[in-house]
Amino acid sequence: MALISPGPDFVMITRNSLVYSRKTGVMSALGLACGIAVHISYCLIGIAYIISKSIVIFSTLKLLGAGYLIFIGYKSIKVKPSQASEIIEDRKDMGKFAALKMGFLTNLFNPKATLFFLALFTQVIYPQTPIYIKLCYGLEMSAMTFVWFAFVALVLSHNQIKRRFTSIQHYVERVTGAALIGLGLKVALSKAR
């Protein structure tokens, strides 16, 4: 349920899949999965507990994440309307590495992910849990993240959806930009629990 609930990851995948291409959406989904792998790794070795108990570290991560979301949102809002005659395939696409990096950083700088995985893993993983079971949990969560967001990217980048989107692209970019800024502000103003 946490995976499919709307948040920064979903907004970013929506934007990248509609504005750019299927490849960009899928690469962004891979970036999200890599970000999840980092969260899971430091949770499994105990660093998440330190982050959750340190106001300075948590606040720094929170502000970095909020700043990144606001930056992406600002870039979306300031995009100029495209010309009506522009063809979807002719649009300049985001590079594979840039898409991967955007997905990775969007997820990595989400401090709520740290707390989510810390809370989840303290319920299902114990000190005596074998390492291979811990690795299976981590791989499963990363794989589920990739599969879900790649599916979203595939659906949103379908030609019929993109054709309908073209006429309102500028407005959708502004709405997703505003949503990212709103999420960034929400992250910046949130408190650790």
C-alpha atoms as a PDB file:
ATOM      1  CA  MET A   1       0.000   0.000   0.000  1.00  0.00           C
ATOM      2  CA  ALA A   2       2.844   2.397   0.788  1.00  0.00           C
ATOM      3  CA  LEU A   3       4.353   1.707  -2.618  1.00  0.00           C
ATOM      4  CA  ILE A   4       1.255   2.615  -4.625  1.00  0.00           C
ATOM      5  CA  SER A   5       0.183   5.585  -2.513  1.00  0.00           C
ATOM      6  CA  PRO A   6       0.804   8.974  -4.170  1.00  0.00           C
ATOM      7  CA  GLY A   7       3.976  10.724  -3.141  1.00  0.00           C
ATOM      8  CA  PRO A   8       7.141  12.216  -4.633  1.00  0.00           C
ATOM      9  CA  ASP A   9       8.043   8.974  -6.443  1.00  0.00           C
ATOM     10  CA  PHE A  10       4.660   8.721  -8.147  1.00  0.00           C
ATOM     11  CA  VAL A  11       4.612  12.391  -9.160  1.00  0.00           C
ATOM     12  CA  MET A  12       8.118  12.172 -10.617  1.00  0.00           C
ATOM     13  CA  ILE A  13       7.331   8.980 -12.598  1.00  0.00           C
ATOM     14  CA  THR A  14       4.122  10.547 -13.898  1.00  0.00           C
ATOM     15  CA  ARG A  15       5.955  13.651 -15.053  1.00  0.00           C
ATOM     16  CA  ASN A  16       8.862  11.816 -16.663  1.00  0.00           C
ATOM     17  CA  SER A  17       6.620   9.296 -18.440  1.00  0.00           C
ATOM     18  CA  LEU A  18       4.237  11.896 -19.838  1.00  0.00           C
ATOM     19  CA  VAL A  19       6.694  14.666 -20.646  1.00  0.00           C
ATOM     20  CA  TYR A  20       9.565  12.560 -21.932  1.00  0.00           C
ATOM     21  CA  SER A  21       9.349   8.910 -22.958  1.00  0.00           C
ATOM     22  CA  ARG A  22       8.711   5.340 -21.908  1.00  0.00           C
ATOM     23  CA  LYS A  23      12.482   4.786 -21.650  1.00  0.00           C
ATOM     24  CA  THR A  24      12.810   7.797 -19.334  1.00  0.00           C
ATOM     25  CA  GLY A  25       9.941   6.570 -17.146  1.00  0.00           C
ATOM     26  CA  VAL A  26      11.383   3.066 -16.864  1.00  0.00           C
ATOM     27  CA  MET A  27      14.903   4.360 -16.134  1.00  0.00           C
ATOM     28  CA  SER A  28      13.432   6.654 -13.461  1.00  0.00           C
ATOM     29  CA  ALA A  29      11.684   3.594 -11.971  1.00  0.00           C
ATOM     30  CA  LEU A  30      15.041   1.792 -11.905  1.00  0.00           C
ATOM     31  CA  GLY A  31      16.500   4.807 -10.091  1.00  0.00           C
ATOM     32  CA  LEU A  32      13.718   4.585  -7.487  1.00  0.00           C
ATOM     33  CA  ALA A  33      14.492   0.888  -6.979  1.00  0.00           C
ATOM     34  CA  CYS A  34      18.182   1.713  -6.487  1.00  0.00           C
ATOM     35  CA  GLY A  35      17.206   4.365  -3.922  1.00  0.00           C
ATOM     36  CA  ILE A  36      15.119   1.765  -2.089  1.00  0.00           C
ATOM     37  CA  ALA A  37      18.132  -0.576  -2.080  1.00  0.00           C
ATOM     38  CA  VAL A  38      20.204   2.116  -0.349  1.00  0.00           C
ATOM     39  CA  HIS A  39      17.490   2.709   2.283  1.00  0.00           C
ATOM     40  CA  ILE A  40      17.201  -1.008   2.916  1.00  0.00           C
ATOM     41  CA  SER A  41      20.977  -1.448   3.151  1.00  0.00           C
ATOM     42  CA  TYR A  42      21.493   1.145   5.841  1.00  0.00           C
ATOM     43  CA  CYS A  43      18.398  -0.030   7.709  1.00  0.00           C
ATOM     44  CA  LEU A  44      19.757  -3.561   7.807  1.00  0.00           C
ATOM     45  CA  ILE A  45      23.109  -2.454   9.195  1.00  0.00           C
ATOM     46  CA  GLY A  46      21.530  -0.174  11.815  1.00  0.00           C
ATOM     47  CA  ILE A  47      22.288   3.293  10.441  1.00  0.00           C
ATOM     48  CA  ALA A  48      18.572   4.089  10.072  1.00  0.00           C
ATOM     49  CA  TYR A  49      18.213   3.836  13.838  1.00  0.00           C
ATOM     50  CA  ILE A  50      20.976   6.425  14.283  1.00  0.00           C
ATOM     51  CA  ILE A  51      19.337   8.711  11.696  1.00  0.00           C
ATOM     52  CA  SER A  52      15.956   8.414  13.393  1.00  0.00           C
ATOM     53  CA  LYS A  53      17.473   9.364  16.772  1.00  0.00           C
ATOM     54  CA  SER A  54      19.615  12.278  15.546  1.00  0.00           C
ATOM     55  CA  ILE A  55      17.721  15.512  15.013  1.00  0.00           C
ATOM     56  CA  VAL A  56      20.669  17.025  13.085  1.00  0.00           C
ATOM     57  CA  ILE A  57      21.103  14.114  10.644  1.00  0.00           C
ATOM     58  CA  PHE A  58      17.353  13.661  10.135  1.00  0.00           C
ATOM     59  CA  SER A  59      16.821  17.406   9.631  1.00  0.00           C
ATOM     60  CA  THR A  60      19.717  17.609   7.155  1.00  0.00           C
ATOM     61  CA  LEU A  61      18.325  14.711   5.109  1.00  0.00           C
ATOM     62  CA  LYS A  62      14.848  16.171   5.332  1.00  0.00           C
ATOM     63  CA  LEU A  63      15.960  19.587   4.078  1.00  0.00           C
ATOM     64  CA  LEU A  64      18.064  18.079   1.275  1.00  0.00           C
ATOM     65  CA  GLY A  65      15.079  16.014   0.162  1.00  0.00           C
ATOM     66  CA  ALA A  66      12.695  18.942   0.385  1.00  0.00           C
ATOM     67  CA  GLY A  67      15.107  21.159  -1.544  1.00  0.00           C
ATOM     68  CA  TYR A  68      15.480  18.562  -4.294  1.00  0.00           C
ATOM     69  CA  LEU A  69      11.702  18.155  -4.689  1.00  0.00           C
ATOM     70  CA  ILE A  70      11.199  21.922  -4.759  1.00  0.00           C
ATOM     71  CA  PHE A  71      13.983  22.252  -7.361  1.00  0.00           C
ATOM     72  CA  ILE A  72      12.386  19.648  -9.667  1.00  0.00           C
ATOM     73  CA  GLY A  73       8.987  21.279  -9.142  1.00  0.00           C
ATOM     74  CA  TYR A  74      10.355  24.720  -9.964  1.00  0.00           C
ATOM     75  CA  LYS A  75      11.938  23.395 -13.163  1.00  0.00           C
ATOM     76  CA  SER A  76       8.549  21.934 -14.166  1.00  0.00           C
ATOM     77  CA  ILE A  77       6.660  25.147 -13.464  1.00  0.00           C
ATOM     78  CA  LYS A  78       9.015  27.368 -15.429  1.00  0.00           C
ATOM     79  CA  VAL A  79       8.803  25.233 -18.613  1.00  0.00           C
ATOM     80  CA  LYS A  80       7.435  27.281 -21.503  1.00  0.00           C
ATOM     81  CA  PRO A  81       4.378  26.027 -23.398  1.00  0.00           C
ATOM     82  CA  SER A  82       5.366  23.829 -26.315  1.00  0.00           C
ATOM     83  CA  GLN A  83       4.163  24.683 -29.779  1.00  0.00           C
ATOM     84  CA  ALA A  84       0.967  22.932 -30.824  1.00  0.00           C
ATOM     85  CA  SER A  85       2.611  21.469 -33.920  1.00  0.00           C
ATOM     86  CA  GLU A  86       5.379  19.771 -31.942  1.00  0.00           C
ATOM     87  CA  ILE A  87       5.338  16.007 -32.381  1.00  0.00           C
ATOM     88  CA  ILE A  88       5.855  13.798 -29.336  1.00  0.00           C
ATOM     89  CA  GLU A  89       8.644  11.741 -30.910  1.00  0.00           C
ATOM     90  CA  ASP A  90      10.589  14.883 -31.849  1.00  0.00           C
ATOM     91  CA  ARG A  91      10.789  16.203 -28.306  1.00  0.00           C
ATOM     92  CA  LYS A  92      14.186  16.227 -26.700  1.00  0.00           C
ATOM     93  CA  ASP A  93      14.313  13.264 -24.337  1.00  0.00           C
ATOM     94  CA  MET A  94      16.077  13.052 -21.008  1.00  0.00           C
ATOM     95  CA  GLY A  95      19.174  10.841 -21.088  1.00  0.00           C
ATOM     96  CA  LYS A  96      19.121   7.401 -19.468  1.00  0.00           C
ATOM     97  CA  PHE A  97      21.603   8.388 -16.773  1.00  0.00           C
ATOM     98  CA  ALA A  98      19.754  11.651 -16.007  1.00  0.00           C
ATOM     99  CA  ALA A  99      16.480   9.724 -15.622  1.00  0.00           C
ATOM    100  CA  LEU A 100      18.134   7.092 -13.425  1.00  0.00           C
ATOM    101  CA  LYS A 101      19.741   9.815 -11.304  1.00  0.00           C
ATOM    102  CA  MET A 102      16.461  11.729 -10.921  1.00  0.00           C
ATOM    103  CA  GLY A 103      14.649   8.603  -9.726  1.00  0.00           C
ATOM    104  CA  PHE A 104      17.494   7.669  -7.403  1.00  0.00           C
ATOM    105  CA  LEU A 105      17.802  11.106  -5.807  1.00  0.00           C
ATOM    106  CA  THR A 106      14.034  11.558  -5.493  1.00  0.00           C
ATOM    107  CA  ASN A 107      13.830   8.373  -3.450  1.00  0.00           C
ATOM    108  CA  LEU A 108      17.146   8.697  -1.638  1.00  0.00           C
ATOM    109  CA  PHE A 109      16.368  12.166  -0.283  1.00  0.00           C
ATOM    110  CA  ASN A 110      12.973  11.124   1.054  1.00  0.00           C
ATOM    111  CA  PRO A 111      13.484  10.980   4.844  1.00  0.00           C
ATOM    112  CA  LYS A 112      10.090   9.352   5.308  1.00  0.00           C
ATOM    113  CA  ALA A 113      11.453   6.290   3.481  1.00  0.00           C
ATOM    114  CA  THR A 114      14.118   5.925   6.168  1.00  0.00           C
ATOM    115  CA  LEU A 115      11.523   5.965   8.925  1.00  0.00           C
ATOM    116  CA  PHE A 116       9.181   3.684   6.963  1.00  0.00           C
ATOM    117  CA  PHE A 117      11.825   0.998   6.471  1.00  0.00           C
ATOM    118  CA  LEU A 118      13.055   1.339  10.035  1.00  0.00           C
ATOM    119  CA  ALA A 119       9.511   0.832  11.356  1.00  0.00           C
ATOM    120  CA  LEU A 120       8.822  -2.031   8.947  1.00  0.00           C
ATOM    121  CA  PHE A 121      12.072  -3.880   9.527  1.00  0.00           C
ATOM    122  CA  THR A 122      11.859  -3.655  13.322  1.00  0.00           C
ATOM    123  CA  GLN A 123       8.600  -5.622  13.011  1.00  0.00           C
ATOM    124  CA  VAL A 124       9.831  -8.381  10.683  1.00  0.00           C
ATOM    125  CA  ILE A 125      13.615  -8.623  11.159  1.00  0.00           C
ATOM    126  CA  TYR A 126      15.372  -9.659  14.336  1.00  0.00           C
ATOM    127  CA  PRO A 127      19.100  -9.833  15.177  1.00  0.00           C
ATOM    128  CA  GLN A 128      18.974 -13.612  14.717  1.00  0.00           C
ATOM    129  CA  THR A 129      17.333 -13.390  11.253  1.00  0.00           C
ATOM    130  CA  PRO A 130      19.745 -14.994   8.751  1.00  0.00           C
ATOM    131  CA  ILE A 131      21.494 -12.612   6.349  1.00  0.00           C
ATOM    132  CA  TYR A 132      20.039 -14.352   3.280  1.00  0.00           C
ATOM    133  CA  ILE A 133      16.509 -13.662   4.555  1.00  0.00           C
ATOM    134  CA  LYS A 134      17.412  -9.997   5.066  1.00  0.00           C
ATOM    135  CA  LEU A 135      18.824  -9.842   1.536  1.00  0.00           C
ATOM    136  CA  CYS A 136      15.667 -11.495   0.160  1.00  0.00           C
ATOM    137  CA  TYR A 137      13.515  -8.842   1.875  1.00  0.00           C
ATOM    138  CA  GLY A 138      15.676  -6.094   0.409  1.00  0.00           C
ATOM    139  CA  LEU A 139      15.706  -7.535  -3.102  1.00  0.00           C
ATOM    140  CA  GLU A 140      11.954  -8.129  -2.975  1.00  0.00           C
ATOM    141  CA  MET A 141      11.229  -4.531  -1.967  1.00  0.00           C
ATOM    142  CA  SER A 142      13.540  -3.093  -4.617  1.00  0.00           C
ATOM    143  CA  ALA A 143      12.044  -5.387  -7.260  1.00  0.00           C
ATOM    144  CA  MET A 144       8.475  -4.486  -6.248  1.00  0.00           C
ATOM    145  CA  THR A 145       9.360  -0.798  -6.475  1.00  0.00           C
ATOM    146  CA  PHE A 146      10.792  -1.222  -9.954  1.00  0.00           C
ATOM    147  CA  VAL A 147       7.902  -3.381 -11.211  1.00  0.00           C
ATOM    148  CA  TRP A 148       5.207  -1.021  -9.907  1.00  0.00           C
ATOM    149  CA  PHE A 149       6.753   2.200 -11.175  1.00  0.00           C
ATOM    150  CA  ALA A 150       7.844   0.653 -14.492  1.00  0.00           C
ATOM    151  CA  PHE A 151       4.214  -0.441 -14.931  1.00  0.00           C
ATOM    152  CA  VAL A 152       3.032   3.117 -14.208  1.00  0.00           C
ATOM    153  CA  ALA A 153       5.599   4.424 -16.722  1.00  0.00           C
ATOM    154  CA  LEU A 154       4.481   1.924 -19.379  1.00  0.00           C
ATOM    155  CA  VAL A 155       0.828   2.853 -18.952  1.00  0.00           C
ATOM    156  CA  LEU A 156       1.379   6.619 -18.917  1.00  0.00           C
ATOM    157  CA  SER A 157       3.765   6.553 -21.872  1.00  0.00           C
ATOM    158  CA  HIS A 158       1.316   4.674 -24.111  1.00  0.00           C
ATOM    159  CA  ASN A 159       0.889   6.531 -27.420  1.00  0.00           C
ATOM    160  CA  GLN A 160      -2.856   7.170 -26.992  1.00  0.00           C
ATOM    161  CA  ILE A 161      -2.376   8.605 -23.521  1.00  0.00           C
ATOM    162  CA  LYS A 162       0.578  10.724 -24.647  1.00  0.00           C
ATOM    163  CA  ARG A 163      -1.355  12.036 -27.673  1.00  0.00           C
ATOM    164  CA  ARG A 164      -4.159  13.213 -25.426  1.00  0.00           C
ATOM    165  CA  PHE A 165      -1.627  14.618 -23.039  1.00  0.00           C
ATOM    166  CA  THR A 166       0.119  16.712 -25.705  1.00  0.00           C
ATOM    167  CA  SER A 167      -2.623  19.331 -25.832  1.00  0.00           C
ATOM    168  CA  ILE A 168      -2.476  19.879 -22.078  1.00  0.00           C
ATOM    169  CA  GLN A 169       1.208  19.103 -21.472  1.00  0.00           C
ATOM    170  CA  HIS A 170       2.081  22.561 -20.224  1.00  0.00           C
ATOM    171  CA  TYR A 171      -0.699  22.512 -17.646  1.00  0.00           C
ATOM    172  CA  VAL A 172       0.175  19.004 -16.455  1.00  0.00           C
ATOM    173  CA  GLU A 173       3.829  20.018 -16.045  1.00  0.00           C
ATOM    174  CA  ARG A 174       2.747  22.985 -13.963  1.00  0.00           C
ATOM    175  CA  VAL A 175       0.400  20.879 -11.837  1.00  0.00           C
ATOM    176  CA  THR A 176       3.048  18.198 -11.242  1.00  0.00           C
ATOM    177  CA  GLY A 177       5.580  20.955 -10.542  1.00  0.00           C
ATOM    178  CA  ALA A 178       3.239  22.487  -7.972  1.00  0.00           C
ATOM    179  CA  ALA A 179       2.646  19.024  -6.471  1.00  0.00           C
ATOM    180  CA  LEU A 180       6.403  18.438  -6.151  1.00  0.00           C
ATOM    181  CA  ILE A 181       6.871  21.851  -4.526  1.00  0.00           C
ATOM    182  CA  GLY A 182       3.971  21.097  -2.184  1.00  0.00           C
ATOM    183  CA  LEU A 183       5.468  17.717  -1.280  1.00  0.00           C
ATOM    184  CA  GLY A 184       8.849  19.367  -0.770  1.00  0.00           C
ATOM    185  CA  LEU A 185       7.327  21.911   1.602  1.00  0.00           C
ATOM    186  CA  LYS A 186       5.455  19.144   3.412  1.00  0.00           C
ATOM    187  CA  VAL A 187       8.711  17.190   3.848  1.00  0.00           C
ATOM    188  CA  ALA A 188      10.536  20.344   5.023  1.00  0.00           C
ATOM    189  CA  LEU A 189       7.886  21.108   7.631  1.00  0.00           C
ATOM    190  CA  SER A 190       7.367  17.533   8.837  1.00  0.00           C
ATOM    191  CA  LYS A 191       8.681  16.332  12.167  1.00  0.00           C
ATOM    192  CA  ALA A 192      10.333  13.019  13.012  1.00  0.00           C
ATOM    193  CA  ARG A 193       8.130  10.653  14.963  1.00  0.00           C
END
